[in-house]
Amino acid sequence: MDATLFLSHPIIQLFTMLMLLGFLFVIIGLSVNAEIILSPIKGFMAGALVHNETYINEENEEVTEYTLQCLIFFISVNVLWEKRSG
């Protein structure tokens, strides 16, 4: 089997891209002191999510919650943190 043929398969390229993205999310999580959650998925998924939401809490502080999520077939990498201002 030719190695270039194996590495050019779309599933291998998708897996490699998601692994690099998951690693980048973990690096970002470590740099912002975030909660990093690795968990199994009961199924098969592939993709990534970036989300932030701003709201006012009970102490009248503006809070922004950030979520980074990378789904690598049957493993989920979640990075969660919040930033308070005001």
Protein backbone atom coordinates (compact mmCIF):
# COMPACT_ATOMS: atom_id res chain seq x y z
CA MET A 1 0.00 0.00 0.00
CA ASP A 2 1.30 3.42 -0.97
CA ALA A 3 1.60 5.84 1.98
CA THR A 4 0.62 8.86 -0.13
CA LEU A 5 -2.59 7.11 -1.15
CA PHE A 6 -3.38 6.37 2.52
CA LEU A 7 -2.66 9.95 3.64
CA SER A 8 -4.72 11.46 0.83
CA HIS A 9 -7.90 9.67 1.95
CA PRO A 10 -10.53 12.25 3.10
CA ILE A 11 -11.23 10.47 6.40
CA ILE A 12 -7.54 10.54 7.37
CA GLN A 13 -7.33 14.23 6.44
CA LEU A 14 -10.47 15.01 8.49
CA PHE A 15 -9.15 13.07 11.49
CA THR A 16 -5.78 14.88 11.30
CA MET A 17 -7.44 18.29 11.02
CA LEU A 18 -9.74 17.61 13.99
CA MET A 19 -6.85 16.30 16.10
CA LEU A 20 -4.88 19.49 15.42
CA LEU A 21 -7.93 21.63 16.16
CA GLY A 22 -8.59 19.75 19.41
CA PHE A 23 -4.95 20.22 20.42
CA LEU A 24 -5.21 23.96 19.62
CA PHE A 25 -8.37 24.19 21.76
CA VAL A 26 -6.54 22.55 24.70
CA ILE A 27 -3.61 24.99 24.31
CA ILE A 28 -6.07 27.92 24.33
CA GLY A 29 -7.79 26.43 27.38
CA LEU A 30 -4.52 26.16 29.26
CA SER A 31 -3.58 29.75 28.40
CA VAL A 32 -6.90 31.20 29.70
CA ASN A 33 -7.12 28.85 32.71
CA ALA A 34 -10.30 27.23 31.39
CA GLU A 35 -12.12 24.07 32.36
CA ILE A 36 -11.12 21.33 29.89
CA ILE A 37 -13.45 18.35 29.59
CA LEU A 38 -12.70 15.18 27.61
CA SER A 39 -15.69 12.90 27.30
CA PRO A 40 -16.89 10.00 25.19
CA ILE A 41 -19.75 10.36 22.73
CA LYS A 42 -22.42 7.68 22.39
CA GLY A 43 -22.32 7.76 18.63
CA PHE A 44 -20.17 9.08 15.83
CA MET A 45 -19.61 12.81 15.22
CA ALA A 46 -17.04 15.05 13.58
CA GLY A 47 -16.82 18.83 13.73
CA ALA A 48 -16.04 21.90 15.83
CA LEU A 49 -17.98 24.64 17.61
CA VAL A 50 -16.95 28.10 18.83
CA HIS A 51 -19.49 30.06 20.88
CA ASN A 52 -19.64 33.03 23.25
CA GLU A 53 -22.56 34.57 25.10
CA THR A 54 -22.73 37.76 27.15
CA TYR A 55 -25.24 38.40 29.94
CA ILE A 56 -25.68 40.43 33.15
CA ASN A 57 -25.60 38.36 36.36
CA GLU A 58 -27.24 39.04 39.74
CA GLU A 59 -24.36 41.28 40.88
CA ASN A 60 -24.83 43.51 37.78
CA GLU A 61 -21.57 42.26 36.30
CA GLU A 62 -21.25 41.65 32.59
CA VAL A 63 -20.20 38.02 32.10
CA THR A 64 -19.08 36.51 28.82
CA GLU A 65 -19.05 32.70 28.63
CA TYR A 66 -16.85 31.08 26.00
CA THR A 67 -17.16 27.54 24.65
CA LEU A 68 -14.81 25.69 22.31
CA GLN A 69 -15.83 22.16 21.34
CA CYS A 70 -14.15 19.68 19.02
CA LEU A 71 -15.84 16.35 18.23
CA ILE A 72 -13.44 13.69 16.97
CA PHE A 73 -15.59 10.71 15.97
CA PHE A 74 -16.32 9.32 19.47
CA ILE A 75 -14.38 11.76 21.71
CA SER A 76 -15.48 15.27 22.68
CA VAL A 77 -12.98 17.97 23.72
CA ASN A 78 -14.77 20.86 25.51
CA VAL A 79 -13.06 24.04 26.71
CA LEU A 80 -15.19 26.35 28.90
CA TRP A 81 -14.34 29.63 30.57
CA GLU A 82 -15.91 32.94 31.49
CA LYS A 83 -14.71 36.53 31.64
CA ARG A 84 -16.27 39.05 34.02
CA SER A 85 -16.22 42.82 33.53
CA GLY A 86 -18.00 45.72 35.16
